[in-house]
Amino acid sequence: MGTIIFCERLTKRYGSGDKAVDAVNGLDLAVETGECFGLLGPNGAGKTTTVEILEGLLNPTTGRVELFGVAWGRGRDDEIRQRMGMTLQDSRFHEKLSCLEILTLFRSFYRDGLQPEDALNLVSLGEKAKAWVRNLSGGQRQRLAVAVALVGDPDLIFLDEPTTGLDPQARRQFWDVIGDLKSRGRTILLTTHYMDEAELLCDRVAVVDHGRIIAQDSPRNLISRFAGENIVEFSVNSNGSNGIPVASDFADLDEVSQCQTDSEGFSMTASQVHIAIPALLERVSERGWRLNRLTTRHANLEDVFVTLTGRHLRDE
C-alpha cells in the first residue's frame, strides 16, 4: 500500500479581480493504492476541475500535485500517462467507427495493455465489437468510455461522473464493472453527485463544496458522525388556531439530534426511532395538529451533505 494520488493546497482560479472565481480553493487529498475514492458534491462544486488537474489536463493556479510520487511537468509525464486511464465527463467518439476500432486506436497509445477484445469483454460489450458508435445506447457508450480507460491496463483510473444520464438498469450494470475493477486491485477515483453510488462503491469519500473538502472518511463513518442512524420524515397540518409548525417545534424531542424543514415537510434525525416517534406523536397531539405523513429510513450520504451544507444535492 502507498499513496498513489497526492495534492496539497490545490487552487484553480478563473478570471481576476472582482470577477475571479475559485473553482478549487485550497484542496488537500491523498488516495491510497487499491482503494476506490469518491469525490462527492453538487454540480459546480469543483470536482471536475480537481480531477482534470490531477489528470494533467489543467494546470493549477497554486498547489502541489503528484501521481505515483511524480509531479506533472517534471519530464516524466509520459511515464504517468502510461499508468493511468480516464473517462471524461462527456466522452465522445467518432460515430462511424466500431467499438473494436476505437479500442484498437487507443490501445496503440500504450506500450503495454489489454487486447481490445478483452477490454470490451470487461465491460460486457464483446457482442458489440463490430457495432458503430452511433448505434450504441447511452449506457453502452459509457461502458465503451470505460473500456477505453482500461485498455492500457492502468494502475489508476479516473471516472468523472460516469453514470450521469444513465437509466437505473445501465447504472447497475456500470456498478458491476466498477466492482470488478476493485476486485482486481485497481485504484479508482470516482466523481459523482449520486450518493447511493458512492455509498455502494467507495472505500472512502470526500464531500466537496465550493472548491473545498468539508468532510472525508468512509461512507459508514461519515453517516454515523454527521447524520446519525435514522431519519424520520413527516408532514404536519395545523388547524389554523395553534400556530404553524416549524422545525424547532420538534428539535427538542427525546432521542432527536436535529430537525430540518424539507420540501415535503420535516426531516428529523433520531438515534432511537422507537422513542422519537411516540414523542413526535405526543407533541403533534398536544398542539392540536394533524400528522399527514410519516416514514422512517436509515441515514445516507445525502443526509450527510444536508447536515454539512444545509441544502440538498437535488436543490443544486
C-alpha atoms as a PDB file:
ATOM      1  CA  MET A   1       0.000   0.000   0.000  1.00  0.00           C
ATOM      2  CA  GLY A   2       1.076   3.607  -0.590  1.00  0.00           C
ATOM      3  CA  THR A   3      -0.195   6.980  -1.709  1.00  0.00           C
ATOM      4  CA  ILE A   4      -0.935   6.978  -5.433  1.00  0.00           C
ATOM      5  CA  ILE A   5      -2.615  10.435  -5.678  1.00  0.00           C
ATOM      6  CA  PHE A   6      -1.446  13.364  -3.601  1.00  0.00           C
ATOM      7  CA  CYS A   7      -2.344  17.040  -3.768  1.00  0.00           C
ATOM      8  CA  GLU A   8      -1.769  19.820  -1.269  1.00  0.00           C
ATOM      9  CA  ARG A   9      -3.257  23.323  -1.046  1.00  0.00           C
ATOM     10  CA  LEU A  10      -4.614  22.951  -4.568  1.00  0.00           C
ATOM     11  CA  THR A  11      -6.303  26.002  -6.103  1.00  0.00           C
ATOM     12  CA  LYS A  12      -7.670  26.911  -9.518  1.00  0.00           C
ATOM     13  CA  ARG A  13      -8.786  30.494 -10.165  1.00  0.00           C
ATOM     14  CA  TYR A  14     -10.514  31.738 -13.277  1.00  0.00           C
ATOM     15  CA  GLY A  15     -10.520  35.448 -14.048  1.00  0.00           C
ATOM     16  CA  SER A  16      -9.107  38.201 -11.883  1.00  0.00           C
ATOM     17  CA  GLY A  17     -10.141  40.992  -9.563  1.00  0.00           C
ATOM     18  CA  ASP A  18     -13.783  41.237  -8.557  1.00  0.00           C
ATOM     19  CA  LYS A  19     -14.767  38.740 -11.274  1.00  0.00           C
ATOM     20  CA  ALA A  20     -12.379  35.996 -10.127  1.00  0.00           C
ATOM     21  CA  VAL A  21     -13.913  32.577  -9.481  1.00  0.00           C
ATOM     22  CA  ASP A  22     -12.163  29.984  -7.322  1.00  0.00           C
ATOM     23  CA  ALA A  23     -13.238  26.635  -8.773  1.00  0.00           C
ATOM     24  CA  VAL A  24     -10.835  24.850  -6.414  1.00  0.00           C
ATOM     25  CA  ASN A  25      -9.960  26.579  -3.173  1.00  0.00           C
ATOM     26  CA  GLY A  26      -7.218  25.005  -1.056  1.00  0.00           C
ATOM     27  CA  LEU A  27      -7.939  21.311  -1.549  1.00  0.00           C
ATOM     28  CA  ASP A  28      -5.823  18.586   0.127  1.00  0.00           C
ATOM     29  CA  LEU A  29      -6.198  14.971  -0.958  1.00  0.00           C
ATOM     30  CA  ALA A  30      -4.422  11.622  -0.620  1.00  0.00           C
ATOM     31  CA  VAL A  31      -5.678   8.425  -2.294  1.00  0.00           C
ATOM     32  CA  GLU A  32      -4.116   5.103  -1.362  1.00  0.00           C
ATOM     33  CA  THR A  33      -3.208   2.292  -3.742  1.00  0.00           C
ATOM     34  CA  GLY A  34      -6.064  -0.138  -4.344  1.00  0.00           C
ATOM     35  CA  GLU A  35      -8.942   1.940  -2.983  1.00  0.00           C
ATOM     36  CA  CYS A  36     -11.979   3.379  -4.693  1.00  0.00           C
ATOM     37  CA  PHE A  37     -12.109   7.003  -3.600  1.00  0.00           C
ATOM     38  CA  GLY A  38     -15.132   9.208  -4.270  1.00  0.00           C
ATOM     39  CA  LEU A  39     -15.313  12.965  -4.733  1.00  0.00           C
ATOM     40  CA  LEU A  40     -18.896  13.913  -3.913  1.00  0.00           C
ATOM     41  CA  GLY A  41     -20.731  17.142  -4.335  1.00  0.00           C
ATOM     42  CA  PRO A  42     -23.192  19.124  -6.446  1.00  0.00           C
ATOM     43  CA  ASN A  43     -22.565  20.359  -9.959  1.00  0.00           C
ATOM     44  CA  GLY A  44     -20.187  23.309  -9.728  1.00  0.00           C
ATOM     45  CA  ALA A  45     -18.538  22.119  -6.512  1.00  0.00           C
ATOM     46  CA  GLY A  46     -15.124  21.824  -8.186  1.00  0.00           C
ATOM     47  CA  LYS A  47     -14.978  18.051  -8.665  1.00  0.00           C
ATOM     48  CA  THR A  48     -14.301  18.006 -12.404  1.00  0.00           C
ATOM     49  CA  THR A  49     -11.772  20.837 -12.199  1.00  0.00           C
ATOM     50  CA  THR A  50      -9.918  18.947  -9.471  1.00  0.00           C
ATOM     51  CA  VAL A  51      -9.879  15.735 -11.496  1.00  0.00           C
ATOM     52  CA  GLU A  52      -8.697  17.479 -14.659  1.00  0.00           C
ATOM     53  CA  ILE A  53      -5.789  18.963 -12.697  1.00  0.00           C
ATOM     54  CA  LEU A  54      -4.926  15.537 -11.296  1.00  0.00           C
ATOM     55  CA  GLU A  55      -5.102  14.077 -14.815  1.00  0.00           C
ATOM     56  CA  GLY A  56      -2.686  16.679 -16.129  1.00  0.00           C
ATOM     57  CA  LEU A  57      -5.279  18.319 -18.388  1.00  0.00           C
ATOM     58  CA  LEU A  58      -5.295  21.602 -16.443  1.00  0.00           C
ATOM     59  CA  ASN A  59      -2.538  23.472 -14.649  1.00  0.00           C
ATOM     60  CA  PRO A  60      -3.384  24.525 -11.075  1.00  0.00           C
ATOM     61  CA  THR A  61      -3.145  28.152 -10.064  1.00  0.00           C
ATOM     62  CA  THR A  62      -1.242  27.088  -6.960  1.00  0.00           C
ATOM     63  CA  GLY A  63      -0.585  23.883  -5.090  1.00  0.00           C
ATOM     64  CA  ARG A  64       1.309  20.615  -5.352  1.00  0.00           C
ATOM     65  CA  VAL A  65       0.128  17.552  -7.291  1.00  0.00           C
ATOM     66  CA  GLU A  66       1.784  14.137  -7.517  1.00  0.00           C
ATOM     67  CA  LEU A  67       0.718  10.841  -9.099  1.00  0.00           C
ATOM     68  CA  PHE A  68       2.790   7.751  -8.272  1.00  0.00           C
ATOM     69  CA  GLY A  69       5.127  10.100  -6.397  1.00  0.00           C
ATOM     70  CA  VAL A  70       5.839  12.101  -9.567  1.00  0.00           C
ATOM     71  CA  ALA A  71       4.773  15.706 -10.297  1.00  0.00           C
ATOM     72  CA  TRP A  72       3.416  16.774 -13.674  1.00  0.00           C
ATOM     73  CA  GLY A  73       5.783  18.840 -15.818  1.00  0.00           C
ATOM     74  CA  ARG A  74       8.997  17.344 -14.459  1.00  0.00           C
ATOM     75  CA  GLY A  75       9.957  15.400 -17.569  1.00  0.00           C
ATOM     76  CA  ARG A  76       8.129  12.184 -16.619  1.00  0.00           C
ATOM     77  CA  ASP A  77       4.637  12.953 -17.902  1.00  0.00           C
ATOM     78  CA  ASP A  78       4.591  10.030 -20.351  1.00  0.00           C
ATOM     79  CA  GLU A  79       5.536   7.673 -17.522  1.00  0.00           C
ATOM     80  CA  ILE A  80       2.485   8.857 -15.585  1.00  0.00           C
ATOM     81  CA  ARG A  81       0.149   8.593 -18.578  1.00  0.00           C
ATOM     82  CA  GLN A  82       1.247   5.042 -19.297  1.00  0.00           C
ATOM     83  CA  ARG A  83      -0.024   4.040 -15.845  1.00  0.00           C
ATOM     84  CA  MET A  84      -3.401   5.803 -15.868  1.00  0.00           C
ATOM     85  CA  GLY A  85      -6.709   5.687 -17.695  1.00  0.00           C
ATOM     86  CA  MET A  86      -9.599   8.111 -17.653  1.00  0.00           C
ATOM     87  CA  THR A  87     -13.165   8.743 -18.683  1.00  0.00           C
ATOM     88  CA  LEU A  88     -14.141  12.359 -19.097  1.00  0.00           C
ATOM     89  CA  GLN A  89     -17.496  13.750 -18.024  1.00  0.00           C
ATOM     90  CA  ASP A  90     -18.536  13.823 -21.686  1.00  0.00           C
ATOM     91  CA  SER A  91     -16.548  11.280 -23.733  1.00  0.00           C
ATOM     92  CA  ARG A  92     -17.209  11.439 -27.479  1.00  0.00           C
ATOM     93  CA  PHE A  93     -16.017   9.091 -30.194  1.00  0.00           C
ATOM     94  CA  HIS A  94     -16.309   9.112 -33.976  1.00  0.00           C
ATOM     95  CA  GLU A  95     -19.819   7.968 -34.806  1.00  0.00           C
ATOM     96  CA  LYS A  96     -18.786   5.774 -37.757  1.00  0.00           C
ATOM     97  CA  LEU A  97     -16.060   3.787 -36.030  1.00  0.00           C
ATOM     98  CA  SER A  98     -16.810   0.441 -34.446  1.00  0.00           C
ATOM     99  CA  CYS A  99     -16.169  -0.310 -30.780  1.00  0.00           C
ATOM    100  CA  LEU A 100     -13.272  -2.576 -31.756  1.00  0.00           C
ATOM    101  CA  GLU A 101     -11.733   0.123 -33.949  1.00  0.00           C
ATOM    102  CA  ILE A 102     -11.976   2.648 -31.121  1.00  0.00           C
ATOM    103  CA  LEU A 103     -10.296   0.265 -28.686  1.00  0.00           C
ATOM    104  CA  THR A 104      -7.587  -0.665 -31.208  1.00  0.00           C
ATOM    105  CA  LEU A 105      -6.774   3.012 -31.708  1.00  0.00           C
ATOM    106  CA  PHE A 106      -6.486   3.769 -28.003  1.00  0.00           C
ATOM    107  CA  ARG A 107      -4.539   0.570 -27.317  1.00  0.00           C
ATOM    108  CA  SER A 108      -1.873   1.843 -29.745  1.00  0.00           C
ATOM    109  CA  PHE A 109      -1.118   4.723 -27.360  1.00  0.00           C
ATOM    110  CA  TYR A 110       0.224   2.366 -24.666  1.00  0.00           C
ATOM    111  CA  ARG A 111       3.396   0.300 -24.566  1.00  0.00           C
ATOM    112  CA  ASP A 112       1.587  -2.485 -22.695  1.00  0.00           C
ATOM    113  CA  GLY A 113      -2.045  -3.256 -22.097  1.00  0.00           C
ATOM    114  CA  LEU A 114      -5.005  -5.457 -22.848  1.00  0.00           C
ATOM    115  CA  GLN A 115      -6.179  -6.869 -26.132  1.00  0.00           C
ATOM    116  CA  PRO A 116      -9.021  -4.633 -27.409  1.00  0.00           C
ATOM    117  CA  GLU A 117     -11.417  -7.586 -27.379  1.00  0.00           C
ATOM    118  CA  ASP A 118     -10.576  -8.300 -23.742  1.00  0.00           C
ATOM    119  CA  ALA A 119     -11.226  -4.662 -22.755  1.00  0.00           C
ATOM    120  CA  LEU A 120     -14.646  -4.843 -24.417  1.00  0.00           C
ATOM    121  CA  ASN A 121     -15.438  -8.080 -22.600  1.00  0.00           C
ATOM    122  CA  LEU A 122     -14.552  -6.473 -19.258  1.00  0.00           C
ATOM    123  CA  VAL A 123     -17.410  -4.004 -19.724  1.00  0.00           C
ATOM    124  CA  SER A 124     -19.794  -6.563 -21.270  1.00  0.00           C
ATOM    125  CA  LEU A 125     -19.567  -5.098 -24.772  1.00  0.00           C
ATOM    126  CA  GLY A 126     -17.998  -8.090 -26.522  1.00  0.00           C
ATOM    127  CA  GLU A 127     -21.091  -8.652 -28.646  1.00  0.00           C
ATOM    128  CA  LYS A 128     -20.936  -5.012 -29.808  1.00  0.00           C
ATOM    129  CA  ALA A 129     -17.349  -5.217 -31.103  1.00  0.00           C
ATOM    130  CA  LYS A 130     -18.370  -4.507 -34.726  1.00  0.00           C
ATOM    131  CA  ALA A 131     -21.189  -2.068 -33.890  1.00  0.00           C
ATOM    132  CA  TRP A 132     -20.733   1.579 -34.851  1.00  0.00           C
ATOM    133  CA  VAL A 133     -20.643   4.090 -32.019  1.00  0.00           C
ATOM    134  CA  ARG A 134     -23.717   5.845 -33.383  1.00  0.00           C
ATOM    135  CA  ASN A 135     -25.763   2.661 -32.862  1.00  0.00           C
ATOM    136  CA  LEU A 136     -24.917   2.296 -29.170  1.00  0.00           C
ATOM    137  CA  SER A 137     -27.267   3.253 -26.352  1.00  0.00           C
ATOM    138  CA  GLY A 138     -26.230   5.829 -23.761  1.00  0.00           C
ATOM    139  CA  GLY A 139     -25.258   3.134 -21.288  1.00  0.00           C
ATOM    140  CA  GLN A 140     -23.246   1.261 -23.903  1.00  0.00           C
ATOM    141  CA  ARG A 141     -21.368   4.440 -24.819  1.00  0.00           C
ATOM    142  CA  GLN A 142     -20.477   4.972 -21.191  1.00  0.00           C
ATOM    143  CA  ARG A 143     -19.192   1.406 -20.956  1.00  0.00           C
ATOM    144  CA  LEU A 144     -17.172   1.966 -24.125  1.00  0.00           C
ATOM    145  CA  ALA A 145     -15.592   5.011 -22.477  1.00  0.00           C
ATOM    146  CA  VAL A 146     -14.614   2.830 -19.526  1.00  0.00           C
ATOM    147  CA  ALA A 147     -13.174   0.212 -21.879  1.00  0.00           C
ATOM    148  CA  VAL A 148     -11.015   2.966 -23.400  1.00  0.00           C
ATOM    149  CA  ALA A 149      -9.816   3.841 -19.893  1.00  0.00           C
ATOM    150  CA  LEU A 150      -8.980   0.165 -19.246  1.00  0.00           C
ATOM    151  CA  VAL A 151      -7.320  -0.841 -22.496  1.00  0.00           C
ATOM    152  CA  GLY A 152      -3.875   0.263 -21.277  1.00  0.00           C
ATOM    153  CA  ASP A 153      -4.317  -1.929 -18.171  1.00  0.00           C
ATOM    154  CA  PRO A 154      -3.743   1.105 -15.903  1.00  0.00           C
ATOM    155  CA  ASP A 155      -2.917   1.125 -12.215  1.00  0.00           C
ATOM    156  CA  LEU A 156      -5.019   4.275 -11.717  1.00  0.00           C
ATOM    157  CA  ILE A 157      -8.418   5.017 -13.273  1.00  0.00           C
ATOM    158  CA  PHE A 158     -10.262   8.357 -13.203  1.00  0.00           C
ATOM    159  CA  LEU A 159     -14.033   8.164 -13.678  1.00  0.00           C
ATOM    160  CA  ASP A 160     -15.694  11.580 -13.865  1.00  0.00           C
ATOM    161  CA  GLU A 161     -19.487  11.433 -13.381  1.00  0.00           C
ATOM    162  CA  PRO A 162     -19.597   8.100 -15.252  1.00  0.00           C
ATOM    163  CA  THR A 163     -23.297   7.361 -14.718  1.00  0.00           C
ATOM    164  CA  THR A 164     -24.849  10.790 -15.248  1.00  0.00           C
ATOM    165  CA  GLY A 165     -27.828  10.463 -17.568  1.00  0.00           C
ATOM    166  CA  LEU A 166     -27.981   6.675 -17.438  1.00  0.00           C
ATOM    167  CA  ASP A 167     -31.173   4.805 -16.663  1.00  0.00           C
ATOM    168  CA  PRO A 168     -31.288   2.719 -13.454  1.00  0.00           C
ATOM    169  CA  GLN A 169     -30.514  -0.568 -15.224  1.00  0.00           C
ATOM    170  CA  ALA A 170     -27.492   0.899 -17.032  1.00  0.00           C
ATOM    171  CA  ARG A 171     -26.243   2.378 -13.760  1.00  0.00           C
ATOM    172  CA  ARG A 172     -26.412  -1.017 -12.049  1.00  0.00           C
ATOM    173  CA  GLN A 173     -24.512  -2.635 -14.945  1.00  0.00           C
ATOM    174  CA  PHE A 174     -21.864   0.048 -14.617  1.00  0.00           C
ATOM    175  CA  TRP A 175     -21.585  -0.595 -10.874  1.00  0.00           C
ATOM    176  CA  ASP A 176     -20.772  -4.225 -11.692  1.00  0.00           C
ATOM    177  CA  VAL A 177     -17.903  -3.040 -13.878  1.00  0.00           C
ATOM    178  CA  ILE A 178     -16.513  -0.921 -11.036  1.00  0.00           C
ATOM    179  CA  GLY A 179     -16.878  -3.803  -8.618  1.00  0.00           C
ATOM    180  CA  ASP A 180     -14.806  -5.983 -10.940  1.00  0.00           C
ATOM    181  CA  LEU A 181     -12.080  -3.330 -11.160  1.00  0.00           C
ATOM    182  CA  LYS A 182     -11.952  -3.116  -7.367  1.00  0.00           C
ATOM    183  CA  SER A 183     -11.624  -6.888  -7.079  1.00  0.00           C
ATOM    184  CA  ARG A 184      -8.603  -6.729  -9.402  1.00  0.00           C
ATOM    185  CA  GLY A 185      -6.839  -4.211  -7.163  1.00  0.00           C
ATOM    186  CA  ARG A 186      -7.115  -1.134  -9.357  1.00  0.00           C
ATOM    187  CA  THR A 187      -7.099   2.326  -7.785  1.00  0.00           C
ATOM    188  CA  ILE A 188     -10.170   4.344  -8.781  1.00  0.00           C
ATOM    189  CA  LEU A 189     -11.019   7.989  -8.306  1.00  0.00           C
ATOM    190  CA  LEU A 190     -14.734   8.478  -8.914  1.00  0.00           C
ATOM    191  CA  THR A 191     -16.629  11.753  -9.024  1.00  0.00           C
ATOM    192  CA  THR A 192     -20.390  11.639  -8.637  1.00  0.00           C
ATOM    193  CA  HIS A 193     -23.362  13.505  -7.247  1.00  0.00           C
ATOM    194  CA  TYR A 194     -25.261  10.234  -6.753  1.00  0.00           C
ATOM    195  CA  MET A 195     -24.818   9.493  -3.068  1.00  0.00           C
ATOM    196  CA  ASP A 196     -26.159   5.936  -3.301  1.00  0.00           C
ATOM    197  CA  GLU A 197     -23.494   5.201  -5.898  1.00  0.00           C
ATOM    198  CA  ALA A 198     -20.701   6.492  -3.685  1.00  0.00           C
ATOM    199  CA  GLU A 199     -22.051   4.650  -0.660  1.00  0.00           C
ATOM    200  CA  LEU A 200     -22.053   1.362  -2.569  1.00  0.00           C
ATOM    201  CA  LEU A 201     -18.744   1.637  -4.452  1.00  0.00           C
ATOM    202  CA  CYS A 202     -16.329   3.789  -2.463  1.00  0.00           C
ATOM    203  CA  ASP A 203     -13.980   2.799   0.340  1.00  0.00           C
ATOM    204  CA  ARG A 204     -13.566   6.460   1.286  1.00  0.00           C
ATOM    205  CA  VAL A 205     -15.241   9.644   0.128  1.00  0.00           C
ATOM    206  CA  ALA A 206     -14.587  13.356   0.329  1.00  0.00           C
ATOM    207  CA  VAL A 207     -17.517  15.786   0.301  1.00  0.00           C
ATOM    208  CA  VAL A 208     -16.608  18.800  -1.845  1.00  0.00           C
ATOM    209  CA  ASP A 209     -18.450  22.118  -1.681  1.00  0.00           C
ATOM    210  CA  HIS A 210     -17.336  25.436  -3.191  1.00  0.00           C
ATOM    211  CA  GLY A 211     -13.951  24.008  -4.103  1.00  0.00           C
ATOM    212  CA  ARG A 212     -13.115  22.700  -0.625  1.00  0.00           C
ATOM    213  CA  ILE A 213     -13.259  19.313   1.061  1.00  0.00           C
ATOM    214  CA  ILE A 214     -15.599  19.762   4.003  1.00  0.00           C
ATOM    215  CA  ALA A 215     -15.583  16.148   5.239  1.00  0.00           C
ATOM    216  CA  GLN A 216     -13.651  12.983   4.445  1.00  0.00           C
ATOM    217  CA  ASP A 217     -13.935   9.383   5.697  1.00  0.00           C
ATOM    218  CA  SER A 218     -15.554   6.069   4.842  1.00  0.00           C
ATOM    219  CA  PRO A 219     -19.261   6.365   3.922  1.00  0.00           C
ATOM    220  CA  ARG A 220     -20.260   4.475   7.062  1.00  0.00           C
ATOM    221  CA  ASN A 221     -18.210   6.723   9.346  1.00  0.00           C
ATOM    222  CA  LEU A 222     -19.461   9.920   7.720  1.00  0.00           C
ATOM    223  CA  ILE A 223     -23.073   8.806   8.106  1.00  0.00           C
ATOM    224  CA  SER A 224     -22.545   7.840  11.734  1.00  0.00           C
ATOM    225  CA  ARG A 225     -20.717  11.091  12.557  1.00  0.00           C
ATOM    226  CA  PHE A 226     -22.859  13.646  10.738  1.00  0.00           C
ATOM    227  CA  ALA A 227     -26.256  12.103  10.031  1.00  0.00           C
ATOM    228  CA  GLY A 228     -26.982   9.694  12.872  1.00  0.00           C
ATOM    229  CA  GLU A 229     -28.551   6.322  12.296  1.00  0.00           C
ATOM    230  CA  ASN A 230     -32.167   7.023  11.355  1.00  0.00           C
ATOM    231  CA  ILE A 231     -34.188   9.673   9.551  1.00  0.00           C
ATOM    232  CA  VAL A 232     -37.857  10.318  10.319  1.00  0.00           C
ATOM    233  CA  GLU A 233     -39.644  12.241   7.564  1.00  0.00           C
ATOM    234  CA  PHE A 234     -43.101  13.633   8.229  1.00  0.00           C
ATOM    235  CA  SER A 235     -45.545  16.401   7.436  1.00  0.00           C
ATOM    236  CA  VAL A 236     -47.972  18.157   9.772  1.00  0.00           C
ATOM    237  CA  ASN A 237     -51.031  20.331   9.228  1.00  0.00           C
ATOM    238  CA  SER A 238     -52.215  22.892  11.753  1.00  0.00           C
ATOM    239  CA  ASN A 239     -55.867  23.707  12.317  1.00  0.00           C
ATOM    240  CA  GLY A 240     -55.166  27.414  11.986  1.00  0.00           C
ATOM    241  CA  SER A 241     -55.620  28.249  15.664  1.00  0.00           C
ATOM    242  CA  ASN A 242     -52.498  26.702  17.213  1.00  0.00           C
ATOM    243  CA  GLY A 243     -49.852  28.247  15.003  1.00  0.00           C
ATOM    244  CA  ILE A 244     -47.931  26.870  12.042  1.00  0.00           C
ATOM    245  CA  PRO A 245     -45.478  24.078  12.933  1.00  0.00           C
ATOM    246  CA  VAL A 246     -41.777  24.800  12.370  1.00  0.00           C
ATOM    247  CA  ALA A 247     -38.681  22.609  12.702  1.00  0.00           C
ATOM    248  CA  SER A 248     -37.797  23.958  16.135  1.00  0.00           C
ATOM    249  CA  ASP A 249     -41.082  22.532  17.481  1.00  0.00           C
ATOM    250  CA  PHE A 250     -39.602  19.036  17.123  1.00  0.00           C
ATOM    251  CA  ALA A 251     -35.854  19.534  17.613  1.00  0.00           C
ATOM    252  CA  ASP A 252     -36.051  19.036  21.416  1.00  0.00           C
ATOM    253  CA  LEU A 253     -37.851  15.671  21.308  1.00  0.00           C
ATOM    254  CA  ASP A 254     -36.274  12.697  23.077  1.00  0.00           C
ATOM    255  CA  GLU A 255     -33.527  10.961  21.037  1.00  0.00           C
ATOM    256  CA  VAL A 256     -33.708  13.650  18.323  1.00  0.00           C
ATOM    257  CA  SER A 257     -30.446  15.390  17.419  1.00  0.00           C
ATOM    258  CA  GLN A 258     -31.861  17.783  14.840  1.00  0.00           C
ATOM    259  CA  CYS A 259     -34.923  18.621  12.768  1.00  0.00           C
ATOM    260  CA  GLN A 260     -34.939  20.466   9.450  1.00  0.00           C
ATOM    261  CA  THR A 261     -37.568  21.669   7.019  1.00  0.00           C
ATOM    262  CA  ASP A 262     -37.559  19.934   3.652  1.00  0.00           C
ATOM    263  CA  SER A 263     -39.647  20.293   0.502  1.00  0.00           C
ATOM    264  CA  GLU A 264     -42.370  17.943   1.758  1.00  0.00           C
ATOM    265  CA  GLY A 265     -42.446  18.784   5.465  1.00  0.00           C
ATOM    266  CA  PHE A 266     -39.792  17.942   8.054  1.00  0.00           C
ATOM    267  CA  SER A 267     -36.787  15.652   8.321  1.00  0.00           C
ATOM    268  CA  MET A 268     -35.762  14.581  11.822  1.00  0.00           C
ATOM    269  CA  THR A 269     -32.560  12.757  12.808  1.00  0.00           C
ATOM    270  CA  ALA A 270     -33.143  10.248  15.590  1.00  0.00           C
ATOM    271  CA  SER A 271     -30.826   7.832  17.343  1.00  0.00           C
ATOM    272  CA  GLN A 272     -33.702   5.616  18.542  1.00  0.00           C
ATOM    273  CA  VAL A 273     -36.879   5.811  16.481  1.00  0.00           C
ATOM    274  CA  HIS A 274     -38.918   3.733  18.941  1.00  0.00           C
ATOM    275  CA  ILE A 275     -38.557   6.623  21.404  1.00  0.00           C
ATOM    276  CA  ALA A 276     -38.564   9.556  18.963  1.00  0.00           C
ATOM    277  CA  ILE A 277     -41.758   8.617  17.121  1.00  0.00           C
ATOM    278  CA  PRO A 278     -44.004   8.329  20.215  1.00  0.00           C
ATOM    279  CA  ALA A 279     -42.578  11.669  21.365  1.00  0.00           C
ATOM    280  CA  LEU A 280     -43.392  13.158  17.963  1.00  0.00           C
ATOM    281  CA  LEU A 281     -46.955  11.847  18.049  1.00  0.00           C
ATOM    282  CA  GLU A 282     -47.441  13.228  21.550  1.00  0.00           C
ATOM    283  CA  ARG A 283     -46.144  16.663  20.516  1.00  0.00           C
ATOM    284  CA  VAL A 284     -48.458  16.764  17.492  1.00  0.00           C
ATOM    285  CA  SER A 285     -51.435  15.806  19.682  1.00  0.00           C
ATOM    286  CA  GLU A 286     -50.561  18.367  22.349  1.00  0.00           C
ATOM    287  CA  ARG A 287     -50.515  21.174  19.801  1.00  0.00           C
ATOM    288  CA  GLY A 288     -53.750  20.115  18.150  1.00  0.00           C
ATOM    289  CA  TRP A 289     -52.050  19.434  14.807  1.00  0.00           C
ATOM    290  CA  ARG A 290     -52.675  16.596  12.358  1.00  0.00           C
ATOM    291  CA  LEU A 291     -49.964  14.218  11.154  1.00  0.00           C
ATOM    292  CA  ASN A 292     -50.308  13.707   7.384  1.00  0.00           C
ATOM    293  CA  ARG A 293     -47.291  11.581   6.570  1.00  0.00           C
ATOM    294  CA  LEU A 294     -44.670   9.610   8.491  1.00  0.00           C
ATOM    295  CA  THR A 295     -41.815   7.464   7.117  1.00  0.00           C
ATOM    296  CA  THR A 296     -38.537   6.216   8.559  1.00  0.00           C
ATOM    297  CA  ARG A 297     -35.312   5.162   6.841  1.00  0.00           C
ATOM    298  CA  HIS A 298     -31.625   4.697   7.519  1.00  0.00           C
ATOM    299  CA  ALA A 299     -29.454   7.785   7.096  1.00  0.00           C
ATOM    300  CA  ASN A 300     -27.329   8.064   3.940  1.00  0.00           C
ATOM    301  CA  LEU A 301     -24.674  10.300   2.395  1.00  0.00           C
ATOM    302  CA  GLU A 302     -27.319  12.711   1.142  1.00  0.00           C
ATOM    303  CA  ASP A 303     -28.198  13.361   4.778  1.00  0.00           C
ATOM    304  CA  VAL A 304     -24.510  13.996   5.498  1.00  0.00           C
ATOM    305  CA  PHE A 305     -24.472  16.648   2.780  1.00  0.00           C
ATOM    306  CA  VAL A 306     -27.618  18.271   4.162  1.00  0.00           C
ATOM    307  CA  THR A 307     -26.138  18.341   7.668  1.00  0.00           C
ATOM    308  CA  LEU A 308     -22.877  19.878   6.447  1.00  0.00           C
ATOM    309  CA  THR A 309     -24.282  22.433   3.995  1.00  0.00           C
ATOM    310  CA  GLY A 310     -27.933  22.957   4.958  1.00  0.00           C
ATOM    311  CA  ARG A 311     -29.185  22.034   1.487  1.00  0.00           C
ATOM    312  CA  HIS A 312     -29.911  19.003  -0.676  1.00  0.00           C
ATOM    313  CA  LEU A 313     -27.899  17.976  -3.712  1.00  0.00           C
ATOM    314  CA  ARG A 314     -31.108  17.912  -5.731  1.00  0.00           C
ATOM    315  CA  ASP A 315     -31.567  21.625  -4.970  1.00  0.00           C
ATOM    316  CA  GLU A 316     -28.359  22.475  -6.861  1.00  0.00           C
END
